[in-house]
């Protein structure tokens, strides 16, 4: 692949990582909210205006946790793909390309 193609794919990958990170933050907030509501409730748990019994609410929390875990795996795979792309770069990089590579390295 050419350097321009690799840089383009790296930019696309960084955009996807940002989207996945946003989705993961939303899932984390939902997980903490649901867990807090489960702890503070008695018989029924109200999650986003929907009433659940405690067992069903625990299943909902488990599903949200699984979704969060899936987002983590997707983000990790994107990170490894980016590391592989950076490994394919050869030769001297200009300032813009080096900035993109360093920006990718700073992403969690």
N, C-alpha and C. Protein backbone atom coordinates (compact mmCIF):
# COMPACT_ATOMS: atom_id res chain seq x y z
N UNK A 1 0.84 -1.19 0.00
CA UNK A 1 0.00 0.00 0.00
C UNK A 1 0.88 1.24 0.00
N UNK A 2 0.34 2.28 -0.56
CA UNK A 2 1.08 3.54 -0.58
C UNK A 2 0.93 4.24 0.76
N UNK A 3 1.79 5.19 0.99
CA UNK A 3 1.75 5.94 2.25
C UNK A 3 0.45 6.73 2.35
N UNK A 4 -0.02 7.29 1.25
CA UNK A 4 -1.26 8.05 1.27
C UNK A 4 -2.46 7.17 1.64
N UNK A 5 -2.48 5.95 1.13
CA UNK A 5 -3.57 5.03 1.46
C UNK A 5 -3.53 4.65 2.93
N UNK A 6 -2.33 4.41 3.44
CA UNK A 6 -2.20 4.04 4.85
C UNK A 6 -2.62 5.19 5.75
N UNK A 7 -2.24 6.40 5.41
CA UNK A 7 -2.62 7.58 6.20
C UNK A 7 -4.13 7.77 6.16
N UNK A 8 -4.74 7.59 4.98
CA UNK A 8 -6.20 7.71 4.87
C UNK A 8 -6.89 6.67 5.74
N UNK A 9 -6.42 5.42 5.70
CA UNK A 9 -7.02 4.37 6.53
C UNK A 9 -6.81 4.66 8.01
N UNK A 10 -5.66 5.23 8.36
CA UNK A 10 -5.40 5.58 9.75
C UNK A 10 -6.34 6.68 10.23
N UNK A 11 -6.61 7.67 9.37
CA UNK A 11 -7.57 8.72 9.72
C UNK A 11 -8.97 8.14 9.91
N UNK A 12 -9.37 7.24 9.01
CA UNK A 12 -10.68 6.60 9.12
C UNK A 12 -10.77 5.78 10.40
N UNK A 13 -9.70 5.09 10.73
CA UNK A 13 -9.65 4.28 11.94
C UNK A 13 -9.75 5.15 13.19
N UNK A 14 -9.11 6.31 13.17
CA UNK A 14 -9.19 7.22 14.31
C UNK A 14 -10.62 7.74 14.49
N UNK A 15 -11.31 8.00 13.40
CA UNK A 15 -12.71 8.42 13.49
C UNK A 15 -13.57 7.32 14.07
N UNK A 16 -13.34 6.09 13.64
CA UNK A 16 -14.10 4.96 14.17
C UNK A 16 -13.82 4.76 15.65
N UNK A 17 -12.57 4.93 16.06
CA UNK A 17 -12.23 4.77 17.47
C UNK A 17 -12.94 5.83 18.30
N UNK A 18 -13.00 7.05 17.80
CA UNK A 18 -13.71 8.12 18.53
C UNK A 18 -15.19 7.78 18.68
N UNK A 19 -15.81 7.26 17.63
CA UNK A 19 -17.22 6.88 17.69
C UNK A 19 -17.42 5.76 18.70
N UNK A 20 -16.56 4.75 18.65
CA UNK A 20 -16.67 3.63 19.59
C UNK A 20 -16.45 4.11 21.02
N UNK A 21 -15.52 5.03 21.23
CA UNK A 21 -15.28 5.56 22.57
C UNK A 21 -16.51 6.29 23.09
N UNK A 22 -17.17 7.04 22.22
CA UNK A 22 -18.40 7.74 22.61
C UNK A 22 -19.50 6.74 22.97
N UNK A 23 -19.65 5.70 22.16
CA UNK A 23 -20.65 4.67 22.46
C UNK A 23 -20.32 3.96 23.77
N UNK A 24 -19.04 3.76 24.02
CA UNK A 24 -18.65 3.08 25.25
C UNK A 24 -18.91 3.95 26.47
N UNK A 25 -18.71 5.25 26.34
CA UNK A 25 -19.03 6.15 27.45
C UNK A 25 -20.53 6.12 27.75
N UNK A 26 -21.35 6.11 26.71
CA UNK A 26 -22.80 6.04 26.91
C UNK A 26 -23.17 4.72 27.59
N UNK A 27 -22.56 3.62 27.15
CA UNK A 27 -22.84 2.32 27.78
C UNK A 27 -22.37 2.31 29.24
N UNK A 28 -21.22 2.93 29.52
CA UNK A 28 -20.72 2.99 30.90
C UNK A 28 -21.67 3.78 31.80
N UNK A 29 -22.14 4.90 31.30
CA UNK A 29 -23.07 5.72 32.08
C UNK A 29 -24.36 4.95 32.33
N UNK A 30 -24.85 4.28 31.30
CA UNK A 30 -26.08 3.48 31.46
C UNK A 30 -25.86 2.34 32.46
N UNK A 31 -24.67 1.73 32.43
CA UNK A 31 -24.36 0.65 33.36
C UNK A 31 -24.34 1.15 34.80
N UNK A 32 -23.66 2.26 35.03
CA UNK A 32 -23.61 2.81 36.39
C UNK A 32 -24.98 3.27 36.87
N UNK A 33 -25.74 3.90 35.98
CA UNK A 33 -27.09 4.34 36.32
C UNK A 33 -27.95 3.14 36.70
N UNK A 34 -27.91 2.10 35.88
CA UNK A 34 -28.74 0.92 36.15
C UNK A 34 -28.33 0.24 37.44
N UNK A 35 -27.04 0.13 37.67
CA UNK A 35 -26.55 -0.51 38.89
C UNK A 35 -26.97 0.30 40.12
N UNK A 36 -26.86 1.62 40.03
CA UNK A 36 -27.27 2.49 41.15
C UNK A 36 -28.76 2.34 41.42
N UNK A 37 -29.56 2.33 40.37
CA UNK A 37 -31.01 2.17 40.53
C UNK A 37 -31.35 0.80 41.13
N UNK A 38 -30.61 -0.23 40.75
CA UNK A 38 -30.85 -1.56 41.29
C UNK A 38 -30.54 -1.61 42.78
N UNK A 39 -29.45 -0.97 43.17
CA UNK A 39 -29.05 -0.98 44.58
C UNK A 39 -30.03 -0.20 45.43
N UNK A 40 -30.52 0.92 44.93
CA UNK A 40 -31.37 1.80 45.74
C UNK A 40 -32.85 1.44 45.70
N UNK A 41 -33.24 0.46 44.90
CA UNK A 41 -34.66 0.14 44.79
C UNK A 41 -35.02 -1.01 45.73
N UNK A 42 -36.31 -1.20 45.90
CA UNK A 42 -36.80 -2.28 46.77
C UNK A 42 -37.23 -3.47 45.92
N UNK A 43 -38.48 -3.50 45.50
CA UNK A 43 -39.02 -4.64 44.76
C UNK A 43 -38.93 -4.46 43.25
N UNK A 44 -39.29 -3.27 42.77
CA UNK A 44 -39.23 -3.00 41.34
C UNK A 44 -38.17 -1.95 41.07
N UNK A 45 -37.58 -2.06 39.91
CA UNK A 45 -36.53 -1.14 39.50
C UNK A 45 -37.05 -0.37 38.30
N UNK A 46 -36.97 0.96 38.36
CA UNK A 46 -37.42 1.80 37.25
C UNK A 46 -36.18 2.28 36.51
N UNK A 47 -36.03 1.79 35.29
CA UNK A 47 -34.92 2.20 34.43
C UNK A 47 -35.48 2.93 33.22
N UNK A 48 -35.19 4.21 33.13
CA UNK A 48 -35.66 5.02 32.00
C UNK A 48 -37.16 4.87 31.79
N UNK A 49 -37.90 5.10 32.82
CA UNK A 49 -39.37 5.09 32.87
C UNK A 49 -39.99 3.71 32.61
N UNK A 50 -39.23 2.65 32.69
CA UNK A 50 -39.75 1.31 32.52
C UNK A 50 -39.52 0.53 33.81
N UNK A 51 -40.56 -0.11 34.30
CA UNK A 51 -40.45 -0.87 35.55
C UNK A 51 -40.05 -2.31 35.27
N UNK A 52 -39.09 -2.79 36.05
CA UNK A 52 -38.63 -4.18 35.98
C UNK A 52 -38.63 -4.76 37.38
N UNK A 53 -38.82 -6.08 37.47
CA UNK A 53 -38.56 -6.69 38.76
C UNK A 53 -37.04 -6.82 38.91
N UNK A 54 -36.58 -7.18 40.09
CA UNK A 54 -35.13 -7.18 40.36
C UNK A 54 -34.37 -8.16 39.47
N UNK A 55 -34.93 -9.32 39.21
CA UNK A 55 -34.24 -10.31 38.38
C UNK A 55 -34.11 -9.83 36.93
N UNK A 56 -35.17 -9.26 36.39
CA UNK A 56 -35.12 -8.75 35.03
C UNK A 56 -34.17 -7.56 34.94
N UNK A 57 -34.16 -6.71 35.96
CA UNK A 57 -33.24 -5.58 35.97
C UNK A 57 -31.79 -6.05 36.01
N UNK A 58 -31.51 -7.12 36.73
CA UNK A 58 -30.14 -7.67 36.74
C UNK A 58 -29.76 -8.20 35.37
N UNK A 59 -30.72 -8.79 34.67
CA UNK A 59 -30.44 -9.26 33.31
C UNK A 59 -30.17 -8.09 32.36
N UNK A 60 -30.92 -7.01 32.52
CA UNK A 60 -30.69 -5.81 31.70
C UNK A 60 -29.30 -5.26 31.98
N UNK A 61 -28.91 -5.20 33.25
CA UNK A 61 -27.58 -4.71 33.61
C UNK A 61 -26.51 -5.62 33.03
N UNK A 62 -26.73 -6.91 33.07
CA UNK A 62 -25.78 -7.86 32.50
C UNK A 62 -25.64 -7.66 30.99
N UNK A 63 -26.74 -7.40 30.31
CA UNK A 63 -26.69 -7.15 28.86
C UNK A 63 -25.94 -5.86 28.55
N UNK A 64 -26.19 -4.82 29.34
CA UNK A 64 -25.47 -3.55 29.12
C UNK A 64 -23.98 -3.75 29.38
N UNK A 65 -23.63 -4.53 30.39
CA UNK A 65 -22.22 -4.82 30.66
C UNK A 65 -21.59 -5.60 29.51
N UNK A 66 -22.34 -6.52 28.93
CA UNK A 66 -21.84 -7.28 27.79
C UNK A 66 -21.63 -6.37 26.58
N UNK A 67 -22.55 -5.45 26.35
CA UNK A 67 -22.41 -4.49 25.25
C UNK A 67 -21.17 -3.63 25.47
N UNK A 68 -20.95 -3.20 26.70
CA UNK A 68 -19.77 -2.41 27.03
C UNK A 68 -18.49 -3.21 26.77
N UNK A 69 -18.51 -4.47 27.12
CA UNK A 69 -17.36 -5.34 26.88
C UNK A 69 -17.10 -5.50 25.37
N UNK A 70 -18.16 -5.59 24.60
CA UNK A 70 -18.02 -5.69 23.14
C UNK A 70 -17.40 -4.42 22.56
N UNK A 71 -17.82 -3.26 23.06
CA UNK A 71 -17.22 -2.00 22.60
C UNK A 71 -15.72 -1.97 22.93
N UNK A 72 -15.35 -2.49 24.08
CA UNK A 72 -13.93 -2.55 24.45
C UNK A 72 -13.15 -3.42 23.48
N UNK A 73 -13.73 -4.56 23.12
CA UNK A 73 -13.06 -5.44 22.17
C UNK A 73 -12.92 -4.83 20.80
N UNK A 74 -13.96 -4.13 20.34
CA UNK A 74 -13.90 -3.47 19.04
C UNK A 74 -12.83 -2.40 19.05
N UNK A 75 -12.78 -1.60 20.13
CA UNK A 75 -11.77 -0.55 20.22
C UNK A 75 -10.37 -1.14 20.24
N UNK A 76 -10.18 -2.23 20.96
CA UNK A 76 -8.87 -2.87 21.01
C UNK A 76 -8.46 -3.37 19.62
N UNK A 77 -9.40 -3.96 18.88
CA UNK A 77 -9.09 -4.44 17.53
C UNK A 77 -8.74 -3.28 16.60
N UNK A 78 -9.45 -2.17 16.73
CA UNK A 78 -9.11 -0.99 15.92
C UNK A 78 -7.71 -0.50 16.27
N UNK A 79 -7.38 -0.52 17.53
CA UNK A 79 -6.04 -0.07 17.96
C UNK A 79 -4.96 -0.96 17.37
N UNK A 80 -5.17 -2.29 17.41
CA UNK A 80 -4.19 -3.21 16.82
C UNK A 80 -4.09 -3.03 15.31
N UNK A 81 -5.21 -2.77 14.65
CA UNK A 81 -5.18 -2.52 13.21
C UNK A 81 -4.37 -1.28 12.89
N UNK A 82 -4.54 -0.24 13.72
CA UNK A 82 -3.76 0.97 13.52
C UNK A 82 -2.28 0.75 13.74
N UNK A 83 -1.94 -0.05 14.74
CA UNK A 83 -0.53 -0.36 14.98
C UNK A 83 0.06 -1.12 13.79
N UNK A 84 -0.72 -2.04 13.22
CA UNK A 84 -0.27 -2.75 12.03
C UNK A 84 -0.08 -1.80 10.85
N UNK A 85 -1.01 -0.86 10.69
CA UNK A 85 -0.88 0.12 9.60
C UNK A 85 0.37 0.98 9.79
N UNK A 86 0.61 1.41 11.01
CA UNK A 86 1.80 2.22 11.27
C UNK A 86 3.06 1.42 10.99
N UNK A 87 3.03 0.12 11.28
CA UNK A 87 4.17 -0.74 10.99
C UNK A 87 4.44 -0.88 9.50
N UNK A 88 3.43 -0.68 8.67
CA UNK A 88 3.61 -0.78 7.22
C UNK A 88 4.20 0.48 6.60
N UNK A 89 4.21 1.56 7.36
CA UNK A 89 4.77 2.80 6.83
C UNK A 89 6.27 2.64 6.68
N UNK A 90 6.78 3.12 5.58
CA UNK A 90 8.22 3.04 5.35
C UNK A 90 8.72 4.38 4.84
N UNK A 91 9.95 4.64 5.07
CA UNK A 91 10.54 5.89 4.61
C UNK A 91 10.27 7.04 5.55
N UNK A 92 10.65 8.20 5.10
CA UNK A 92 10.46 9.42 5.90
C UNK A 92 9.03 9.90 5.77
N UNK A 93 8.47 10.33 6.88
CA UNK A 93 7.12 10.89 6.89
C UNK A 93 7.22 12.41 6.93
N UNK A 94 6.32 13.08 6.20
CA UNK A 94 6.30 14.53 6.31
C UNK A 94 5.62 14.93 7.62
N UNK A 95 5.53 16.21 7.88
CA UNK A 95 5.04 16.70 9.18
C UNK A 95 3.58 16.29 9.43
N UNK A 96 2.74 16.37 8.39
CA UNK A 96 1.32 16.02 8.56
C UNK A 96 1.16 14.53 8.88
N UNK A 97 1.88 13.70 8.16
CA UNK A 97 1.79 12.26 8.39
C UNK A 97 2.32 11.89 9.77
N UNK A 98 3.43 12.51 10.18
CA UNK A 98 3.98 12.24 11.51
C UNK A 98 3.02 12.70 12.60
N UNK A 99 2.31 13.81 12.36
CA UNK A 99 1.34 14.30 13.33
C UNK A 99 0.17 13.31 13.47
N UNK A 100 -0.26 12.75 12.36
CA UNK A 100 -1.36 11.78 12.40
C UNK A 100 -0.93 10.52 13.15
N UNK A 101 0.28 10.06 12.90
CA UNK A 101 0.79 8.87 13.59
C UNK A 101 0.91 9.14 15.09
N UNK A 102 1.42 10.29 15.46
CA UNK A 102 1.55 10.60 16.89
C UNK A 102 0.18 10.80 17.54
N UNK A 103 -0.76 11.37 16.80
CA UNK A 103 -2.12 11.53 17.31
C UNK A 103 -2.77 10.17 17.55
N UNK A 104 -2.53 9.22 16.65
CA UNK A 104 -3.06 7.88 16.85
C UNK A 104 -2.41 7.22 18.07
N UNK A 105 -1.14 7.44 18.26
CA UNK A 105 -0.44 6.85 19.39
C UNK A 105 -0.97 7.38 20.73
N UNK A 106 -1.48 8.61 20.74
CA UNK A 106 -2.00 9.20 21.97
C UNK A 106 -3.39 8.68 22.33
N UNK A 107 -4.09 8.08 21.36
CA UNK A 107 -5.44 7.58 21.64
C UNK A 107 -5.34 6.38 22.57
N UNK A 108 -6.33 6.27 23.45
CA UNK A 108 -6.33 5.16 24.41
C UNK A 108 -6.77 3.89 23.76
